[in-house]
Amino acid sequence: MINDVNISKHAVTHPKKCREIADRYGWKLLRVETTKSKILKFDCVFEGDTQFPNYQEGNKDE
C-alpha cells in the first residue's frame, strides 16, 4: 500500500484526463477521487512527487 504522504494530486474536469496525464508524463496513477468543485470535479492521485514541466524556465526572451 502506498503511504498517502507519498502522493500528488492534480484536479481535472473528467476522469479520463487522469489516464492521459499519467501516460504523457509517465506517472503512476493510483486512483481517481471526486471533489466538491463544480468545474474540476475529479482529483487524479499519483504516486510520488509529481510536477508538470516548466516550459518557461530558461526562456530569456520574455
PDB file of N, CA and C in Angstrom:
ATOM      1  N   MET A   1       0.841  -1.198   0.000  1.00  0.00           N
ATOM      2  CA  MET A   1       0.000   0.000   0.000  1.00  0.00           C
ATOM      3  C   MET A   1       0.880   1.253   0.000  1.00  0.00           C
ATOM      4  N   ILE A   2       0.481   2.226  -0.749  1.00  0.00           N
ATOM      5  CA  ILE A   2       1.228   3.483  -0.847  1.00  0.00           C
ATOM      6  C   ILE A   2       0.844   4.391   0.318  1.00  0.00           C
ATOM      7  N   ASN A   3       1.827   4.968   0.967  1.00  0.00           N
ATOM      8  CA  ASN A   3       1.607   5.919   2.040  1.00  0.00           C
ATOM      9  C   ASN A   3       1.037   7.203   1.437  1.00  0.00           C
ATOM     10  N   ASP A   4      -0.055   7.732   2.008  1.00  0.00           N
ATOM     11  CA  ASP A   4      -0.683   8.939   1.459  1.00  0.00           C
ATOM     12  C   ASP A   4       0.218  10.169   1.530  1.00  0.00           C
ATOM     13  N   VAL A   5       1.323  10.086   2.255  1.00  0.00           N
ATOM     14  CA  VAL A   5       2.275  11.190   2.286  1.00  0.00           C
ATOM     15  C   VAL A   5       3.063  11.221   0.980  1.00  0.00           C
ATOM     16  N   ASN A   6       3.184  10.089   0.329  1.00  0.00           N
ATOM     17  CA  ASN A   6       3.979   9.967  -0.892  1.00  0.00           C
ATOM     18  C   ASN A   6       3.089   9.973  -2.133  1.00  0.00           C
ATOM     19  N   ILE A   7       2.152  10.933  -2.175  1.00  0.00           N
ATOM     20  CA  ILE A   7       1.248  11.054  -3.323  1.00  0.00           C
ATOM     21  C   ILE A   7       1.180  12.506  -3.778  1.00  0.00           C
ATOM     22  N   SER A   8       0.706  12.691  -4.988  1.00  0.00           N
ATOM     23  CA  SER A   8       0.423  14.019  -5.528  1.00  0.00           C
ATOM     24  C   SER A   8      -0.960  13.986  -6.148  1.00  0.00           C
ATOM     25  N   LYS A   9      -1.657  15.114  -6.072  1.00  0.00           N
ATOM     26  CA  LYS A   9      -2.988  15.215  -6.665  1.00  0.00           C
ATOM     27  C   LYS A   9      -3.014  16.367  -7.660  1.00  0.00           C
ATOM     28  N   HIS A  10      -3.711  16.129  -8.762  1.00  0.00           N
ATOM     29  CA  HIS A  10      -3.925  17.164  -9.771  1.00  0.00           C
ATOM     30  C   HIS A  10      -5.396  17.104 -10.173  1.00  0.00           C
ATOM     31  N   ALA A  11      -6.072  18.244 -10.150  1.00  0.00           N
ATOM     32  CA  ALA A  11      -7.502  18.304 -10.451  1.00  0.00           C
ATOM     33  C   ALA A  11      -7.752  18.339 -11.955  1.00  0.00           C
ATOM     34  N   VAL A  12      -8.834  17.663 -12.372  1.00  0.00           N
ATOM     35  CA  VAL A  12      -9.208  17.595 -13.790  1.00  0.00           C
ATOM     36  C   VAL A  12     -10.723  17.683 -13.932  1.00  0.00           C
ATOM     37  N   THR A  13     -11.173  17.891 -15.164  1.00  0.00           N
ATOM     38  CA  THR A  13     -12.603  18.010 -15.445  1.00  0.00           C
ATOM     39  C   THR A  13     -13.278  16.677 -15.731  1.00  0.00           C
ATOM     40  N   HIS A  14     -12.501  15.675 -16.135  1.00  0.00           N
ATOM     41  CA  HIS A  14     -13.073  14.362 -16.493  1.00  0.00           C
ATOM     42  C   HIS A  14     -12.091  13.276 -16.071  1.00  0.00           C
ATOM     43  N   PRO A  15     -12.569  12.152 -15.551  1.00  0.00           N
ATOM     44  CA  PRO A  15     -11.665  11.105 -15.075  1.00  0.00           C
ATOM     45  C   PRO A  15     -10.694  10.569 -16.134  1.00  0.00           C
ATOM     46  N   LYS A  16     -11.096  10.562 -17.400  1.00  0.00           N
ATOM     47  CA  LYS A  16     -10.192  10.030 -18.435  1.00  0.00           C
ATOM     48  C   LYS A  16      -8.944  10.896 -18.596  1.00  0.00           C
ATOM     49  N   LYS A  17      -9.014  12.143 -18.157  1.00  0.00           N
ATOM     50  CA  LYS A  17      -7.847  13.026 -18.210  1.00  0.00           C
ATOM     51  C   LYS A  17      -6.727  12.513 -17.307  1.00  0.00           C
ATOM     52  N   CYS A  18      -7.085  11.803 -16.238  1.00  0.00           N
ATOM     53  CA  CYS A  18      -6.073  11.248 -15.330  1.00  0.00           C
ATOM     54  C   CYS A  18      -5.184  10.259 -16.069  1.00  0.00           C
ATOM     55  N   ARG A  19      -5.776   9.383 -16.835  1.00  0.00           N
ATOM     56  CA  ARG A  19      -5.009   8.394 -17.596  1.00  0.00           C
ATOM     57  C   ARG A  19      -4.153   9.099 -18.650  1.00  0.00           C
ATOM     58  N   GLU A  20      -4.708  10.132 -19.289  1.00  0.00           N
ATOM     59  CA  GLU A  20      -3.948  10.877 -20.294  1.00  0.00           C
ATOM     60  C   GLU A  20      -2.707  11.527 -19.677  1.00  0.00           C
ATOM     61  N   ILE A  21      -2.874  12.118 -18.497  1.00  0.00           N
ATOM     62  CA  ILE A  21      -1.748  12.750 -17.804  1.00  0.00           C
ATOM     63  C   ILE A  21      -0.716  11.695 -17.414  1.00  0.00           C
ATOM     64  N   ALA A  22      -1.185  10.584 -16.870  1.00  0.00           N
ATOM     65  CA  ALA A  22      -0.275   9.504 -16.460  1.00  0.00           C
ATOM     66  C   ALA A  22       0.543   9.007 -17.642  1.00  0.00           C
ATOM     67  N   ASP A  23      -0.110   8.803 -18.765  1.00  0.00           N
ATOM     68  CA  ASP A  23       0.586   8.320 -19.960  1.00  0.00           C
ATOM     69  C   ASP A  23       1.571   9.356 -20.502  1.00  0.00           C
ATOM     70  N   ARG A  24       1.166  10.613 -20.519  1.00  0.00           N
ATOM     71  CA  ARG A  24       2.007  11.677 -21.081  1.00  0.00           C
ATOM     72  C   ARG A  24       3.286  11.891 -20.276  1.00  0.00           C
ATOM     73  N   TYR A  25       3.172  11.868 -18.940  1.00  0.00           N
ATOM     74  CA  TYR A  25       4.320  12.188 -18.096  1.00  0.00           C
ATOM     75  C   TYR A  25       4.970  10.962 -17.456  1.00  0.00           C
ATOM     76  N   GLY A  26       4.414   9.779 -17.701  1.00  0.00           N
ATOM     77  CA  GLY A  26       4.993   8.561 -17.146  1.00  0.00           C
ATOM     78  C   GLY A  26       4.772   8.405 -15.649  1.00  0.00           C
ATOM     79  N   TRP A  27       3.715   9.028 -15.136  1.00  0.00           N
ATOM     80  CA  TRP A  27       3.410   8.944 -13.714  1.00  0.00           C
ATOM     81  C   TRP A  27       2.523   7.736 -13.441  1.00  0.00           C
ATOM     82  N   LYS A  28       2.608   7.177 -12.227  1.00  0.00           N
ATOM     83  CA  LYS A  28       1.782   6.035 -11.842  1.00  0.00           C
ATOM     84  C   LYS A  28       0.484   6.545 -11.211  1.00  0.00           C
ATOM     85  N   LEU A  29      -0.629   6.311 -11.898  1.00  0.00           N
ATOM     86  CA  LEU A  29      -1.942   6.715 -11.402  1.00  0.00           C
ATOM     87  C   LEU A  29      -2.417   5.689 -10.383  1.00  0.00           C
ATOM     88  N   LEU A  30      -2.708   6.150  -9.163  1.00  0.00           N
ATOM     89  CA  LEU A  30      -3.177   5.258  -8.108  1.00  0.00           C
ATOM     90  C   LEU A  30      -4.696   5.158  -8.079  1.00  0.00           C
ATOM     91  N   ARG A  31      -5.343   6.303  -8.231  1.00  0.00           N
ATOM     92  CA  ARG A  31      -6.810   6.317  -8.183  1.00  0.00           C
ATOM     93  C   ARG A  31      -7.323   7.681  -8.647  1.00  0.00           C
ATOM     94  N   VAL A  32      -8.635   7.734  -8.857  1.00  0.00           N
ATOM     95  CA  VAL A  32      -9.326   8.979  -9.196  1.00  0.00           C
ATOM     96  C   VAL A  32     -10.346   9.229  -8.093  1.00  0.00           C
ATOM     97  N   GLU A  33     -10.345  10.436  -7.548  1.00  0.00           N
ATOM     98  CA  GLU A  33     -11.273  10.799  -6.482  1.00  0.00           C
ATOM     99  C   GLU A  33     -12.188  11.918  -6.965  1.00  0.00           C
ATOM    100  N   THR A  34     -13.406  11.944  -6.459  1.00  0.00           N
ATOM    101  CA  THR A  34     -14.318  13.046  -6.777  1.00  0.00           C
ATOM    102  C   THR A  34     -14.050  14.205  -5.820  1.00  0.00           C
ATOM    103  N   THR A  35     -14.321  15.417  -6.303  1.00  0.00           N
ATOM    104  CA  THR A  35     -14.163  16.620  -5.487  1.00  0.00           C
ATOM    105  C   THR A  35     -15.528  17.281  -5.331  1.00  0.00           C
ATOM    106  N   LYS A  36     -15.558  18.376  -4.616  1.00  0.00           N
ATOM    107  CA  LYS A  36     -16.798  19.142  -4.459  1.00  0.00           C
ATOM    108  C   LYS A  36     -16.862  20.320  -5.425  1.00  0.00           C
ATOM    109  N   SER A  37     -15.847  20.471  -6.252  1.00  0.00           N
ATOM    110  CA  SER A  37     -15.784  21.562  -7.217  1.00  0.00           C
ATOM    111  C   SER A  37     -16.784  21.330  -8.350  1.00  0.00           C
ATOM    112  N   LYS A  38     -17.382  22.401  -8.822  1.00  0.00           N
ATOM    113  CA  LYS A  38     -18.318  22.298  -9.943  1.00  0.00           C
ATOM    114  C   LYS A  38     -17.594  22.255 -11.289  1.00  0.00           C
ATOM    115  N   ILE A  39     -16.354  22.670 -11.324  1.00  0.00           N
ATOM    116  CA  ILE A  39     -15.599  22.701 -12.579  1.00  0.00           C
ATOM    117  C   ILE A  39     -14.566  21.580 -12.629  1.00  0.00           C
ATOM    118  N   LEU A  40     -13.668  21.550 -11.669  1.00  0.00           N
ATOM    119  CA  LEU A  40     -12.648  20.491 -11.601  1.00  0.00           C
ATOM    120  C   LEU A  40     -13.188  19.403 -10.675  1.00  0.00           C
ATOM    121  N   LYS A  41     -13.989  18.515 -11.241  1.00  0.00           N
ATOM    122  CA  LYS A  41     -14.780  17.562 -10.461  1.00  0.00           C
ATOM    123  C   LYS A  41     -14.012  16.342  -9.971  1.00  0.00           C
ATOM    124  N   PHE A  42     -12.763  16.157 -10.427  1.00  0.00           N
ATOM    125  CA  PHE A  42     -12.009  14.953 -10.078  1.00  0.00           C
ATOM    126  C   PHE A  42     -10.571  15.300  -9.711  1.00  0.00           C
ATOM    127  N   ASP A  43     -10.008  14.525  -8.803  1.00  0.00           N
ATOM    128  CA  ASP A  43      -8.590  14.590  -8.470  1.00  0.00           C
ATOM    129  C   ASP A  43      -7.928  13.316  -8.948  1.00  0.00           C
ATOM    130  N   CYS A  44      -6.855  13.468  -9.686  1.00  0.00           N
ATOM    131  CA  CYS A  44      -6.021  12.329 -10.066  1.00  0.00           C
ATOM    132  C   CYS A  44      -5.006  12.167  -8.938  1.00  0.00           C
ATOM    133  N   VAL A  45      -4.888  10.977  -8.412  1.00  0.00           N
ATOM    134  CA  VAL A  45      -3.950  10.711  -7.328  1.00  0.00           C
ATOM    135  C   VAL A  45      -2.799   9.887  -7.904  1.00  0.00           C
ATOM    136  N   PHE A  46      -1.609  10.482  -7.885  1.00  0.00           N
ATOM    137  CA  PHE A  46      -0.424   9.849  -8.450  1.00  0.00           C
ATOM    138  C   PHE A  46       0.556   9.470  -7.352  1.00  0.00           C
ATOM    139  N   GLU A  47       1.353   8.447  -7.628  1.00  0.00           N
ATOM    140  CA  GLU A  47       2.392   8.027  -6.698  1.00  0.00           C
ATOM    141  C   GLU A  47       3.558   8.999  -6.766  1.00  0.00           C
ATOM    142  N   GLY A  48       4.064   9.403  -5.608  1.00  0.00           N
ATOM    143  CA  GLY A  48       5.260  10.239  -5.531  1.00  0.00           C
ATOM    144  C   GLY A  48       4.997  11.717  -5.754  1.00  0.00           C
ATOM    145  N   ASP A  49       6.087  12.457  -5.832  1.00  0.00           N
ATOM    146  CA  ASP A  49       6.041  13.900  -6.054  1.00  0.00           C
ATOM    147  C   ASP A  49       6.008  14.156  -7.552  1.00  0.00           C
ATOM    148  N   THR A  50       4.882  14.650  -8.043  1.00  0.00           N
ATOM    149  CA  THR A  50       4.738  14.910  -9.476  1.00  0.00           C
ATOM    150  C   THR A  50       4.598  16.406  -9.708  1.00  0.00           C
ATOM    151  N   GLN A  51       5.313  16.902 -10.684  1.00  0.00           N
ATOM    152  CA  GLN A  51       5.222  18.308 -11.062  1.00  0.00           C
ATOM    153  C   GLN A  51       5.215  18.398 -12.578  1.00  0.00           C
ATOM    154  N   PHE A  52       4.366  19.260 -13.086  1.00  0.00           N
ATOM    155  CA  PHE A  52       4.341  19.477 -14.525  1.00  0.00           C
ATOM    156  C   PHE A  52       5.609  20.214 -14.940  1.00  0.00           C
ATOM    157  N   PRO A  53       6.135  19.935 -16.114  1.00  0.00           N
ATOM    158  CA  PRO A  53       7.336  20.633 -16.587  1.00  0.00           C
ATOM    159  C   PRO A  53       7.086  22.134 -16.700  1.00  0.00           C
ATOM    160  N   ASN A  54       8.115  22.913 -16.403  1.00  0.00           N
ATOM    161  CA  ASN A  54       8.040  24.359 -16.546  1.00  0.00           C
ATOM    162  C   ASN A  54       8.681  24.717 -17.884  1.00  0.00           C
ATOM    163  N   TYR A  55       7.852  24.910 -18.881  1.00  0.00           N
ATOM    164  CA  TYR A  55       8.361  25.199 -20.221  1.00  0.00           C
ATOM    165  C   TYR A  55       8.868  26.629 -20.355  1.00  0.00           C
ATOM    166  N   GLN A  56       8.596  27.486 -19.382  1.00  0.00           N
ATOM    167  CA  GLN A  56       9.071  28.863 -19.412  1.00  0.00           C
ATOM    168  C   GLN A  56      10.467  28.990 -18.831  1.00  0.00           C
ATOM    169  N   GLU A  57      10.905  27.996 -18.081  1.00  0.00           N
ATOM    170  CA  GLU A  57      12.213  28.028 -17.453  1.00  0.00           C
ATOM    171  C   GLU A  57      13.304  28.149 -18.512  1.00  0.00           C
ATOM    172  N   GLY A  58      14.191  29.084 -18.322  1.00  0.00           N
ATOM    173  CA  GLY A  58      15.295  29.244 -19.250  1.00  0.00           C
ATOM    174  C   GLY A  58      14.970  30.080 -20.475  1.00  0.00           C
ATOM    175  N   ASN A  59      13.742  30.579 -20.613  1.00  0.00           N
ATOM    176  CA  ASN A  59      13.365  31.404 -21.752  1.00  0.00           C
ATOM    177  C   ASN A  59      13.750  32.848 -21.444  1.00  0.00           C
ATOM    178  N   LYS A  60      14.837  33.317 -22.009  1.00  0.00           N
ATOM    179  CA  LYS A  60      15.356  34.648 -21.706  1.00  0.00           C
ATOM    180  C   LYS A  60      14.753  35.735 -22.587  1.00  0.00           C
ATOM    181  N   ASP A  61      13.890  35.361 -23.522  1.00  0.00           N
ATOM    182  CA  ASP A  61      13.283  36.341 -24.416  1.00  0.00           C
ATOM    183  C   ASP A  61      12.153  37.111 -23.753  1.00  0.00           C
ATOM    184  N   GLU A  62      11.644  36.596 -22.645  1.00  0.00           N
ATOM    185  CA  GLU A  62      10.492  37.254 -22.000  1.00  0.00           C
ATOM    186  C   GLU A  62      10.903  38.012 -20.782  1.00  0.00           C
TER     187      GLU A  62
END
